[in-house]
PDB file of all heavy atoms in Angstrom:
ATOM      1  N   PRO A   1       8.878   6.191   4.318  1.00  0.00           N
ATOM      2  CA  PRO A   1      10.006   7.063   4.752  1.00  0.00           C
ATOM      3  C   PRO A   1      10.910   6.469   5.841  1.00  0.00           C
ATOM      4  O   PRO A   1      12.021   7.058   6.093  1.00  0.00           O
ATOM      5  CB  PRO A   1       9.186   8.282   5.313  1.00  0.00           C
ATOM      6  CG  PRO A   1       7.959   8.266   4.618  1.00  0.00           C
ATOM      7  CD  PRO A   1       7.666   6.827   4.431  1.00  0.00           C
ATOM      8  N   LEU A   2      10.494   5.346   6.514  1.00  0.00           N
ATOM      9  CA  LEU A   2      11.433   4.724   7.435  1.00  0.00           C
ATOM     10  C   LEU A   2      12.631   4.117   6.776  1.00  0.00           C
ATOM     11  O   LEU A   2      13.649   3.773   7.453  1.00  0.00           O
ATOM     12  CB  LEU A   2      10.634   3.574   8.135  1.00  0.00           C
ATOM     13  CG  LEU A   2       9.485   4.023   9.120  1.00  0.00           C
ATOM     14  CD1 LEU A   2       8.659   2.840   9.624  1.00  0.00           C
ATOM     15  CD2 LEU A   2       9.980   4.936  10.163  1.00  0.00           C
ATOM     16  N   GLY A   3      12.511   3.833   5.493  1.00  0.00           N
ATOM     17  CA  GLY A   3      13.618   3.265   4.652  1.00  0.00           C
ATOM     18  C   GLY A   3      14.187   4.233   3.714  1.00  0.00           C
ATOM     19  O   GLY A   3      13.902   5.402   3.713  1.00  0.00           O
ATOM     20  N   ASN A   4      15.040   3.770   2.757  1.00  0.00           N
ATOM     21  CA  ASN A   4      15.667   4.432   1.691  1.00  0.00           C
ATOM     22  C   ASN A   4      15.684   3.633   0.431  1.00  0.00           C
ATOM     23  O   ASN A   4      15.075   2.465   0.390  1.00  0.00           O
ATOM     24  CB  ASN A   4      17.061   4.936   2.137  1.00  0.00           C
ATOM     25  CG  ASN A   4      17.893   3.717   2.474  1.00  0.00           C
ATOM     26  OD1 ASN A   4      18.198   2.788   1.656  1.00  0.00           O
ATOM     27  ND2 ASN A   4      18.419   3.637   3.767  1.00  0.00           N
ATOM     28  N   LYS A   5      16.323   4.018  -0.615  1.00  0.00           N
ATOM     29  CA  LYS A   5      16.272   3.281  -1.885  1.00  0.00           C
ATOM     30  C   LYS A   5      17.007   1.986  -1.751  1.00  0.00           C
ATOM     31  O   LYS A   5      16.685   0.987  -2.604  1.00  0.00           O
ATOM     32  CB  LYS A   5      16.835   4.130  -3.001  1.00  0.00           C
ATOM     33  CG  LYS A   5      18.287   4.490  -2.863  1.00  0.00           C
ATOM     34  CD  LYS A   5      18.778   5.228  -4.169  1.00  0.00           C
ATOM     35  CE  LYS A   5      20.217   5.656  -3.918  1.00  0.00           C
ATOM     36  NZ  LYS A   5      21.132   4.802  -3.360  1.00  0.00           N
ATOM     37  N   ASP A   6      17.753   1.792  -0.682  1.00  0.00           N
ATOM     38  CA  ASP A   6      18.426   0.381  -0.489  1.00  0.00           C
ATOM     39  C   ASP A   6      17.659  -0.525   0.430  1.00  0.00           C
ATOM     40  O   ASP A   6      18.044  -1.699   0.580  1.00  0.00           O
ATOM     41  CB  ASP A   6      19.802   0.711  -0.041  1.00  0.00           C
ATOM     42  CG  ASP A   6      20.706   1.454  -1.079  1.00  0.00           C
ATOM     43  OD1 ASP A   6      20.490   1.192  -2.272  1.00  0.00           O
ATOM     44  OD2 ASP A   6      21.419   2.307  -0.635  1.00  0.00           O
ATOM     45  N   THR A   7      16.694  -0.011   1.059  1.00  0.00           N
ATOM     46  CA  THR A   7      15.950  -0.786   2.052  1.00  0.00           C
ATOM     47  C   THR A   7      15.266  -1.865   1.338  1.00  0.00           C
ATOM     48  O   THR A   7      14.630  -1.632   0.209  1.00  0.00           O
ATOM     49  CB  THR A   7      14.977   0.189   2.771  1.00  0.00           C
ATOM     50  OG1 THR A   7      15.750   1.117   3.427  1.00  0.00           O
ATOM     51  CG2 THR A   7      14.196  -0.653   3.791  1.00  0.00           C
ATOM     52  N   VAL A   8      15.079  -3.007   1.861  1.00  0.00           N
ATOM     53  CA  VAL A   8      14.397  -4.208   1.279  1.00  0.00           C
ATOM     54  C   VAL A   8      12.970  -3.954   1.838  1.00  0.00           C
ATOM     55  O   VAL A   8      12.716  -3.802   3.089  1.00  0.00           O
ATOM     56  CB  VAL A   8      14.953  -5.519   1.753  1.00  0.00           C
ATOM     57  CG1 VAL A   8      14.059  -6.645   1.189  1.00  0.00           C
ATOM     58  CG2 VAL A   8      16.343  -5.628   1.153  1.00  0.00           C
ATOM     59  N   VAL A   9      11.929  -4.084   0.991  1.00  0.00           N
ATOM     60  CA  VAL A   9      10.605  -3.975   1.422  1.00  0.00           C
ATOM     61  C   VAL A   9       9.820  -5.331   1.160  1.00  0.00           C
ATOM     62  O   VAL A   9       9.749  -5.751  -0.119  1.00  0.00           O
ATOM     63  CB  VAL A   9       9.875  -2.791   0.639  1.00  0.00           C
ATOM     64  CG1 VAL A   9       8.346  -2.738   1.229  1.00  0.00           C
ATOM     65  CG2 VAL A   9      10.535  -1.465   0.945  1.00  0.00           C
ATOM     66  N   LEU A  10       9.334  -5.978   2.119  1.00  0.00           N
ATOM     67  CA  LEU A  10       8.528  -7.158   1.982  1.00  0.00           C
ATOM     68  C   LEU A  10       7.121  -6.785   2.366  1.00  0.00           C
ATOM     69  O   LEU A  10       6.825  -6.380   3.535  1.00  0.00           O
ATOM     70  CB  LEU A  10       9.112  -8.229   2.932  1.00  0.00           C
ATOM     71  CG  LEU A  10       8.267  -9.630   2.874  1.00  0.00           C
ATOM     72  CD1 LEU A  10       8.172 -10.292   1.558  1.00  0.00           C
ATOM     73  CD2 LEU A  10       8.842 -10.613   3.950  1.00  0.00           C
ATOM     74  N   MET A  11       6.128  -6.851   1.378  1.00  0.00           N
ATOM     75  CA  MET A  11       4.843  -6.419   1.525  1.00  0.00           C
ATOM     76  C   MET A  11       3.741  -7.544   1.324  1.00  0.00           C
ATOM     77  O   MET A  11       3.737  -8.076   0.326  1.00  0.00           O
ATOM     78  CB  MET A  11       4.587  -5.214   0.626  1.00  0.00           C
ATOM     79  CG  MET A  11       3.127  -4.662   0.821  1.00  0.00           C
ATOM     80  SD  MET A  11       2.941  -3.127  -0.123  1.00  0.00           S
ATOM     81  CE  MET A  11       2.466  -3.673  -1.692  1.00  0.00           C
ATOM     82  N   ASN A  12       2.877  -7.685   2.328  1.00  0.00           N
ATOM     83  CA  ASN A  12       1.783  -8.548   2.290  1.00  0.00           C
ATOM     84  C   ASN A  12       0.716  -7.939   1.400  1.00  0.00           C
ATOM     85  O   ASN A  12       0.459  -6.757   1.583  1.00  0.00           O
ATOM     86  CB  ASN A  12       1.259  -8.941   3.721  1.00  0.00           C
ATOM     87  CG  ASN A  12       0.097  -9.846   3.648  1.00  0.00           C
ATOM     88  OD1 ASN A  12      -0.229 -10.485   2.608  1.00  0.00           O
ATOM     89  ND2 ASN A  12      -0.651  -9.813   4.776  1.00  0.00           N
ATOM     90  N   LEU A  13       0.112  -8.690   0.426  1.00  0.00           N
ATOM     91  CA  LEU A  13      -0.810  -7.991  -0.520  1.00  0.00           C
ATOM     92  C   LEU A  13      -2.176  -8.066   0.061  1.00  0.00           C
ATOM     93  O   LEU A  13      -3.213  -7.728  -0.694  1.00  0.00           O
ATOM     94  CB  LEU A  13      -0.722  -8.738  -1.856  1.00  0.00           C
ATOM     95  CG  LEU A  13       0.628  -8.507  -2.637  1.00  0.00           C
ATOM     96  CD1 LEU A  13       0.614  -9.278  -3.927  1.00  0.00           C
ATOM     97  CD2 LEU A  13       0.819  -6.972  -2.932  1.00  0.00           C
ATOM     98  N   ASP A  14      -2.445  -8.593   1.268  1.00  0.00           N
ATOM     99  CA  ASP A  14      -3.828  -8.748   1.809  1.00  0.00           C
ATOM    100  C   ASP A  14      -4.277  -7.459   2.482  1.00  0.00           C
ATOM    101  O   ASP A  14      -3.666  -7.179   3.580  1.00  0.00           O
ATOM    102  CB  ASP A  14      -3.879  -9.930   2.603  1.00  0.00           C
ATOM    103  CG  ASP A  14      -5.339 -10.132   2.982  1.00  0.00           C
ATOM    104  OD1 ASP A  14      -6.241 -10.142   2.179  1.00  0.00           O
ATOM    105  OD2 ASP A  14      -5.619 -10.368   4.237  1.00  0.00           O
ATOM    106  N   PRO A  15      -5.174  -6.678   2.068  1.00  0.00           N
ATOM    107  CA  PRO A  15      -5.580  -5.434   2.757  1.00  0.00           C
ATOM    108  C   PRO A  15      -6.472  -5.722   4.025  1.00  0.00           C
ATOM    109  O   PRO A  15      -7.243  -6.683   4.008  1.00  0.00           O
ATOM    110  CB  PRO A  15      -6.416  -4.689   1.749  1.00  0.00           C
ATOM    111  CG  PRO A  15      -6.926  -5.736   0.848  1.00  0.00           C
ATOM    112  CD  PRO A  15      -6.008  -6.877   0.790  1.00  0.00           C
ATOM    113  N   VAL A  16      -6.316  -4.858   5.039  1.00  0.00           N
ATOM    114  CA  VAL A  16      -7.268  -4.886   6.135  1.00  0.00           C
ATOM    115  C   VAL A  16      -8.057  -3.580   6.008  1.00  0.00           C
ATOM    116  O   VAL A  16      -7.459  -2.485   6.016  1.00  0.00           O
ATOM    117  CB  VAL A  16      -6.552  -4.862   7.481  1.00  0.00           C
ATOM    118  CG1 VAL A  16      -7.488  -4.696   8.534  1.00  0.00           C
ATOM    119  CG2 VAL A  16      -5.683  -6.076   7.652  1.00  0.00           C
ATOM    120  N   LEU A  17      -9.361  -3.742   5.682  1.00  0.00           N
ATOM    121  CA  LEU A  17     -10.172  -2.593   5.382  1.00  0.00           C
ATOM    122  C   LEU A  17     -10.538  -1.729   6.595  1.00  0.00           C
ATOM    123  O   LEU A  17     -11.094  -2.243   7.565  1.00  0.00           O
ATOM    124  CB  LEU A  17     -11.434  -2.932   4.681  1.00  0.00           C
ATOM    125  CG  LEU A  17     -11.341  -3.822   3.355  1.00  0.00           C
ATOM    126  CD1 LEU A  17     -12.655  -4.124   2.779  1.00  0.00           C
ATOM    127  CD2 LEU A  17     -10.388  -3.105   2.395  1.00  0.00           C
ATOM    128  N   PRO A  18     -10.194  -0.368   6.577  1.00  0.00           N
ATOM    129  CA  PRO A  18     -10.541   0.457   7.691  1.00  0.00           C
ATOM    130  C   PRO A  18     -12.087   0.478   7.821  1.00  0.00           C
ATOM    131  O   PRO A  18     -12.771   0.305   6.703  1.00  0.00           O
ATOM    132  CB  PRO A  18      -9.953   1.813   7.269  1.00  0.00           C
ATOM    133  CG  PRO A  18      -8.910   1.515   6.246  1.00  0.00           C
ATOM    134  CD  PRO A  18      -9.374   0.281   5.532  1.00  0.00           C
ATOM    135  N   SER A  19     -12.596   0.832   8.874  1.00  0.00           N
ATOM    136  CA  SER A  19     -14.091   0.905   9.132  1.00  0.00           C
ATOM    137  C   SER A  19     -14.746   1.781   8.060  1.00  0.00           C
ATOM    138  O   SER A  19     -15.856   1.378   7.644  1.00  0.00           O
ATOM    139  CB  SER A  19     -14.382   1.317  10.505  1.00  0.00           C
ATOM    140  OG  SER A  19     -13.805   2.617  10.727  1.00  0.00           O
ATOM    141  N   MET A  20     -14.214   2.907   7.688  1.00  0.00           N
ATOM    142  CA  MET A  20     -14.833   3.835   6.705  1.00  0.00           C
ATOM    143  C   MET A  20     -15.013   3.096   5.358  1.00  0.00           C
ATOM    144  O   MET A  20     -15.974   3.321   4.632  1.00  0.00           O
ATOM    145  CB  MET A  20     -14.201   5.106   6.658  1.00  0.00           C
ATOM    146  CG  MET A  20     -14.078   5.938   7.848  1.00  0.00           C
ATOM    147  SD  MET A  20     -15.701   6.489   8.395  1.00  0.00           S
ATOM    148  CE  MET A  20     -15.870   7.927   7.320  1.00  0.00           C
ATOM    149  N   VAL A  21     -14.027   2.261   4.994  1.00  0.00           N
ATOM    150  CA  VAL A  21     -14.043   1.574   3.766  1.00  0.00           C
ATOM    151  C   VAL A  21     -15.011   0.393   3.895  1.00  0.00           C
ATOM    152  O   VAL A  21     -15.872   0.263   2.950  1.00  0.00           O
ATOM    153  CB  VAL A  21     -12.616   0.955   3.345  1.00  0.00           C
ATOM    154  CG1 VAL A  21     -12.744   0.176   2.184  1.00  0.00           C
ATOM    155  CG2 VAL A  21     -11.624   2.152   3.137  1.00  0.00           C
ATOM    156  N   ALA A  22     -15.005  -0.269   4.943  1.00  0.00           N
ATOM    157  CA  ALA A  22     -15.941  -1.412   5.125  1.00  0.00           C
ATOM    158  C   ALA A  22     -17.442  -0.868   5.180  1.00  0.00           C
ATOM    159  O   ALA A  22     -18.311  -1.608   4.754  1.00  0.00           O
ATOM    160  CB  ALA A  22     -15.591  -2.094   6.542  1.00  0.00           C
ATOM    161  N   ALA A  23     -17.636   0.347   5.614  1.00  0.00           N
ATOM    162  CA  ALA A  23     -19.033   0.941   5.683  1.00  0.00           C
ATOM    163  C   ALA A  23     -19.376   1.488   4.292  1.00  0.00           C
ATOM    164  O   ALA A  23     -20.489   1.920   4.166  1.00  0.00           O
ATOM    165  CB  ALA A  23     -19.010   1.970   6.694  1.00  0.00           C
ATOM    166  N   GLY A  24     -18.532   1.459   3.373  1.00  0.00           N
ATOM    167  CA  GLY A  24     -18.775   1.854   1.957  1.00  0.00           C
ATOM    168  C   GLY A  24     -18.696   3.514   1.883  1.00  0.00           C
ATOM    169  O   GLY A  24     -19.083   4.028   0.823  1.00  0.00           O
ATOM    170  N   LEU A  25     -18.099   4.117   2.829  1.00  0.00           N
ATOM    171  CA  LEU A  25     -17.915   5.542   2.769  1.00  0.00           C
ATOM    172  C   LEU A  25     -16.659   6.047   2.015  1.00  0.00           C
ATOM    173  O   LEU A  25     -16.616   7.215   1.665  1.00  0.00           O
ATOM    174  CB  LEU A  25     -18.045   6.151   4.178  1.00  0.00           C
ATOM    175  CG  LEU A  25     -19.338   5.825   4.863  1.00  0.00           C
ATOM    176  CD1 LEU A  25     -19.238   6.212   6.424  1.00  0.00           C
ATOM    177  CD2 LEU A  25     -20.457   6.553   4.339  1.00  0.00           C
ATOM    178  N   GLU A  26     -15.726   5.186   2.037  1.00  0.00           N
ATOM    179  CA  GLU A  26     -14.408   5.529   1.384  1.00  0.00           C
ATOM    180  C   GLU A  26     -14.024   4.283   0.503  1.00  0.00           C
ATOM    181  O   GLU A  26     -14.466   3.174   0.747  1.00  0.00           O
ATOM    182  CB  GLU A  26     -13.291   5.936   2.321  1.00  0.00           C
ATOM    183  CG  GLU A  26     -13.643   7.234   3.011  1.00  0.00           C
ATOM    184  CD  GLU A  26     -12.540   7.620   3.962  1.00  0.00           C
ATOM    185  OE1 GLU A  26     -11.452   6.922   4.156  1.00  0.00           O
ATOM    186  OE2 GLU A  26     -12.723   8.538   4.811  1.00  0.00           O
ATOM    187  N   GLU A  27     -12.969   4.543  -0.411  1.00  0.00           N
ATOM    188  CA  GLU A  27     -12.497   3.482  -1.226  1.00  0.00           C
ATOM    189  C   GLU A  27     -11.076   3.015  -0.811  1.00  0.00           C
ATOM    190  O   GLU A  27     -10.344   3.912  -0.530  1.00  0.00           O
ATOM    191  CB  GLU A  27     -12.648   3.850  -2.691  1.00  0.00           C
ATOM    192  CG  GLU A  27     -13.796   3.337  -3.404  1.00  0.00           C
ATOM    193  CD  GLU A  27     -13.696   3.600  -4.861  1.00  0.00           C
ATOM    194  OE1 GLU A  27     -12.730   3.045  -5.488  1.00  0.00           O
ATOM    195  OE2 GLU A  27     -14.656   4.167  -5.414  1.00  0.00           O
ATOM    196  N   TYR A  28     -10.873   1.741  -0.768  1.00  0.00           N
ATOM    197  CA  TYR A  28      -9.473   1.361  -0.526  1.00  0.00           C
ATOM    198  C   TYR A  28      -8.724   1.467  -1.939  1.00  0.00           C
ATOM    199  O   TYR A  28      -9.235   1.079  -2.881  1.00  0.00           O
ATOM    200  CB  TYR A  28      -9.432  -0.088  -0.061  1.00  0.00           C
ATOM    201  CG  TYR A  28      -8.192  -0.580   0.471  1.00  0.00           C
ATOM    202  CD1 TYR A  28      -7.894  -0.490   1.865  1.00  0.00           C
ATOM    203  CD2 TYR A  28      -7.134  -1.172  -0.330  1.00  0.00           C
ATOM    204  CE1 TYR A  28      -6.643  -0.946   2.340  1.00  0.00           C
ATOM    205  CE2 TYR A  28      -5.936  -1.573   0.145  1.00  0.00           C
ATOM    206  CZ  TYR A  28      -5.726  -1.544   1.440  1.00  0.00           C
ATOM    207  OH  TYR A  28      -4.515  -1.953   2.083  1.00  0.00           O
ATOM    208  N   PRO A  29      -7.486   1.839  -1.903  1.00  0.00           N
ATOM    209  CA  PRO A  29      -6.730   2.002  -3.195  1.00  0.00           C
ATOM    210  C   PRO A  29      -6.581   0.656  -3.826  1.00  0.00           C
ATOM    211  O   PRO A  29      -6.541  -0.405  -3.192  1.00  0.00           O
ATOM    212  CB  PRO A  29      -5.357   2.508  -2.686  1.00  0.00           C
ATOM    213  CG  PRO A  29      -5.536   3.063  -1.407  1.00  0.00           C
ATOM    214  CD  PRO A  29      -6.683   2.343  -0.740  1.00  0.00           C
ATOM    215  N   LYS A  30      -6.420   0.659  -5.145  1.00  0.00           N
ATOM    216  CA  LYS A  30      -6.266  -0.502  -5.920  1.00  0.00           C
ATOM    217  C   LYS A  30      -4.899  -1.173  -5.602  1.00  0.00           C
ATOM    218  O   LYS A  30      -3.969  -0.327  -5.444  1.00  0.00           O
ATOM    219  CB  LYS A  30      -6.386  -0.312  -7.473  1.00  0.00           C
ATOM    220  CG  LYS A  30      -7.847  -0.009  -7.841  1.00  0.00           C
ATOM    221  CD  LYS A  30      -7.887   0.138  -9.321  1.00  0.00           C
ATOM    222  CE  LYS A  30      -9.292   0.287  -9.859  1.00  0.00           C
ATOM    223  NZ  LYS A  30     -10.104   1.304  -9.107  1.00  0.00           N
ATOM    224  N   MET A  31      -4.716  -2.360  -5.573  1.00  0.00           N
ATOM    225  CA  MET A  31      -3.446  -3.019  -5.205  1.00  0.00           C
ATOM    226  C   MET A  31      -2.358  -2.688  -6.115  1.00  0.00           C
ATOM    227  O   MET A  31      -1.156  -2.414  -5.768  1.00  0.00           O
ATOM    228  CB  MET A  31      -3.593  -4.623  -5.107  1.00  0.00           C
ATOM    229  CG  MET A  31      -2.610  -5.238  -4.239  1.00  0.00           C
ATOM    230  SD  MET A  31      -2.368  -4.536  -2.602  1.00  0.00           S
ATOM    231  CE  MET A  31      -4.028  -4.856  -1.833  1.00  0.00           C
ATOM    232  N   GLU A  32      -2.685  -2.554  -7.476  1.00  0.00           N
ATOM    233  CA  GLU A  32      -1.687  -2.152  -8.481  1.00  0.00           C
ATOM    234  C   GLU A  32      -1.066  -0.766  -8.120  1.00  0.00           C
ATOM    235  O   GLU A  32       0.056  -0.485  -8.239  1.00  0.00           O
ATOM    236  CB  GLU A  32      -2.164  -2.191  -9.815  1.00  0.00           C
ATOM    237  CG  GLU A  32      -2.853  -3.416 -10.363  1.00  0.00           C
ATOM    238  CD  GLU A  32      -4.317  -3.618  -9.870  1.00  0.00           C
ATOM    239  OE1 GLU A  32      -5.051  -2.737 -10.177  1.00  0.00           O
ATOM    240  OE2 GLU A  32      -4.509  -4.575  -9.113  1.00  0.00           O
ATOM    241  N   GLU A  33      -1.975   0.164  -7.715  1.00  0.00           N
ATOM    242  CA  GLU A  33      -1.577   1.497  -7.318  1.00  0.00           C
ATOM    243  C   GLU A  33      -0.589   1.439  -6.074  1.00  0.00           C
ATOM    244  O   GLU A  33       0.341   2.247  -6.121  1.00  0.00           O
ATOM    245  CB  GLU A  33      -2.770   2.369  -6.962  1.00  0.00           C
ATOM    246  CG  GLU A  33      -3.661   2.729  -8.168  1.00  0.00           C
ATOM    247  CD  GLU A  33      -4.943   3.426  -7.715  1.00  0.00           C
ATOM    248  OE1 GLU A  33      -5.127   3.713  -6.586  1.00  0.00           O
ATOM    249  OE2 GLU A  33      -5.798   3.620  -8.637  1.00  0.00           O
ATOM    250  N   LEU A  34      -0.921   0.583  -5.135  1.00  0.00           N
ATOM    251  CA  LEU A  34      -0.121   0.557  -3.952  1.00  0.00           C
ATOM    252  C   LEU A  34       1.238  -0.015  -4.277  1.00  0.00           C
ATOM    253  O   LEU A  34       2.327   0.513  -3.856  1.00  0.00           O
ATOM    254  CB  LEU A  34      -0.815  -0.362  -2.850  1.00  0.00           C
ATOM    255  CG  LEU A  34      -2.046   0.276  -2.300  1.00  0.00           C
ATOM    256  CD1 LEU A  34      -2.823  -0.666  -1.351  1.00  0.00           C
ATOM    257  CD2 LEU A  34      -1.696   1.540  -1.457  1.00  0.00           C
ATOM    258  N   THR A  35       1.308  -1.140  -5.063  1.00  0.00           N
ATOM    259  CA  THR A  35       2.580  -1.697  -5.389  1.00  0.00           C
ATOM    260  C   THR A  35       3.486  -0.686  -6.314  1.00  0.00           C
ATOM    261  O   THR A  35       4.578  -0.589  -6.122  1.00  0.00           O
ATOM    262  CB  THR A  35       2.512  -3.041  -6.067  1.00  0.00           C
ATOM    263  OG1 THR A  35       1.664  -2.945  -7.207  1.00  0.00           O
ATOM    264  CG2 THR A  35       2.042  -4.163  -5.177  1.00  0.00           C
ATOM    265  N   GLU A  36       2.714   0.011  -7.192  1.00  0.00           N
ATOM    266  CA  GLU A  36       3.430   0.971  -7.967  1.00  0.00           C
ATOM    267  C   GLU A  36       3.959   2.187  -7.155  1.00  0.00           C
ATOM    268  O   GLU A  36       5.096   2.704  -7.318  1.00  0.00           O
ATOM    269  CB  GLU A  36       2.411   1.608  -9.103  1.00  0.00           C
ATOM    270  CG  GLU A  36       3.111   2.276 -10.208  1.00  0.00           C
ATOM    271  CD  GLU A  36       4.351   1.633 -10.697  1.00  0.00           C
ATOM    272  OE1 GLU A  36       4.406   0.519 -11.082  1.00  0.00           O
ATOM    273  OE2 GLU A  36       5.467   2.394 -10.699  1.00  0.00           O
ATOM    274  N   CYS A  37       3.128   2.465  -6.080  1.00  0.00           N
ATOM    275  CA  CYS A  37       3.586   3.679  -5.214  1.00  0.00           C
ATOM    276  C   CYS A  37       4.977   3.192  -4.460  1.00  0.00           C
ATOM    277  O   CYS A  37       5.802   3.973  -4.373  1.00  0.00           O
ATOM    278  CB  CYS A  37       2.429   3.825  -4.118  1.00  0.00           C
ATOM    279  SG  CYS A  37       2.960   4.423  -2.591  1.00  0.00           S
ATOM    280  N   VAL A  38       5.006   1.988  -3.982  1.00  0.00           N
ATOM    281  CA  VAL A  38       6.207   1.492  -3.387  1.00  0.00           C
ATOM    282  C   VAL A  38       7.295   1.349  -4.399  1.00  0.00           C
ATOM    283  O   VAL A  38       8.375   1.938  -4.150  1.00  0.00           O
ATOM    284  CB  VAL A  38       5.971   0.127  -2.722  1.00  0.00           C
ATOM    285  CG1 VAL A  38       7.303  -0.292  -2.125  1.00  0.00           C
ATOM    286  CG2 VAL A  38       4.945   0.238  -1.648  1.00  0.00           C
ATOM    287  N   ARG A  39       7.122   0.810  -5.543  1.00  0.00           N
ATOM    288  CA  ARG A  39       8.124   0.568  -6.551  1.00  0.00           C
ATOM    289  C   ARG A  39       8.729   1.975  -7.063  1.00  0.00           C
ATOM    290  O   ARG A  39       9.935   2.074  -7.376  1.00  0.00           O
ATOM    291  CB  ARG A  39       7.646  -0.188  -7.717  1.00  0.00           C
ATOM    292  CG  ARG A  39       7.658  -1.594  -7.447  1.00  0.00           C
ATOM    293  CD  ARG A  39       7.805  -2.578  -8.654  1.00  0.00           C
ATOM    294  NE  ARG A  39       7.918  -3.917  -8.252  1.00  0.00           N
ATOM    295  CZ  ARG A  39       6.739  -4.676  -8.084  1.00  0.00           C
ATOM    296  NH1 ARG A  39       5.656  -4.211  -8.437  1.00  0.00           N
ATOM    297  NH2 ARG A  39       6.923  -5.963  -7.709  1.00  0.00           N
ATOM    298  N   SER A  40       7.911   3.003  -7.102  1.00  0.00           N
ATOM    299  CA  SER A  40       8.303   4.279  -7.602  1.00  0.00           C
ATOM    300  C   SER A  40       9.419   4.900  -6.663  1.00  0.00           C
ATOM    301  O   SER A  40      10.182   5.772  -6.990  1.00  0.00           O
ATOM    302  CB  SER A  40       7.109   5.208  -7.808  1.00  0.00           C
ATOM    303  OG  SER A  40       6.663   5.557  -6.535  1.00  0.00           O
ATOM    304  N   LYS A  41       9.304   4.513  -5.324  1.00  0.00           N
ATOM    305  CA  LYS A  41      10.255   4.988  -4.357  1.00  0.00           C
ATOM    306  C   LYS A  41      11.280   4.046  -3.891  1.00  0.00           C
ATOM    307  O   LYS A  41      12.316   4.444  -3.397  1.00  0.00           O
ATOM    308  CB  LYS A  41       9.496   5.439  -3.053  1.00  0.00           C
ATOM    309  CG  LYS A  41       8.543   6.605  -3.279  1.00  0.00           C
ATOM    310  CD  LYS A  41       7.740   6.890  -2.165  1.00  0.00           C
ATOM    311  CE  LYS A  41       6.774   8.170  -2.357  1.00  0.00           C
ATOM    312  NZ  LYS A  41       6.071   8.177  -3.575  1.00  0.00           N
ATOM    313  N   ASN A  42      11.069   2.725  -4.168  1.00  0.00           N
ATOM    314  CA  ASN A  42      11.956   1.721  -3.762  1.00  0.00           C
ATOM    315  C   ASN A  42      11.915   0.456  -4.754  1.00  0.00           C
ATOM    316  O   ASN A  42      10.880  -0.144  -4.814  1.00  0.00           O
ATOM    317  CB  ASN A  42      11.600   1.271  -2.371  1.00  0.00           C
ATOM    318  CG  ASN A  42      12.643   0.260  -1.775  1.00  0.00           C
ATOM    319  OD1 ASN A  42      12.967  -0.672  -2.407  1.00  0.00           O
ATOM    320  ND2 ASN A  42      13.043   0.573  -0.552  1.00  0.00           N
ATOM    321  N   PRO A  43      13.033   0.240  -5.411  1.00  0.00           N
ATOM    322  CA  PRO A  43      13.069  -0.849  -6.428  1.00  0.00           C
ATOM    323  C   PRO A  43      13.065  -2.244  -5.781  1.00  0.00           C
ATOM    324  O   PRO A  43      12.911  -3.232  -6.462  1.00  0.00           O
ATOM    325  CB  PRO A  43      14.285  -0.531  -7.200  1.00  0.00           C
ATOM    326  CG  PRO A  43      15.151   0.184  -6.329  1.00  0.00           C
ATOM    327  CD  PRO A  43      14.399   0.972  -5.367  1.00  0.00           C
TER     328      PRO A  43
END
C-alpha cells in the first residue's frame, strides 16, 4: 500500500522466518504465492 500500480517493486526472494515459523507453529507462505500477491496488485 505504500506504492501504486506505477511503483517499481524490487523484491528479494530470500525469506527471514519469524520465530513462530522457525518453531514449526506456523507456515511461511509459498514464494509463488507471494510473487503472485505482488503481481496481482503491481505489474
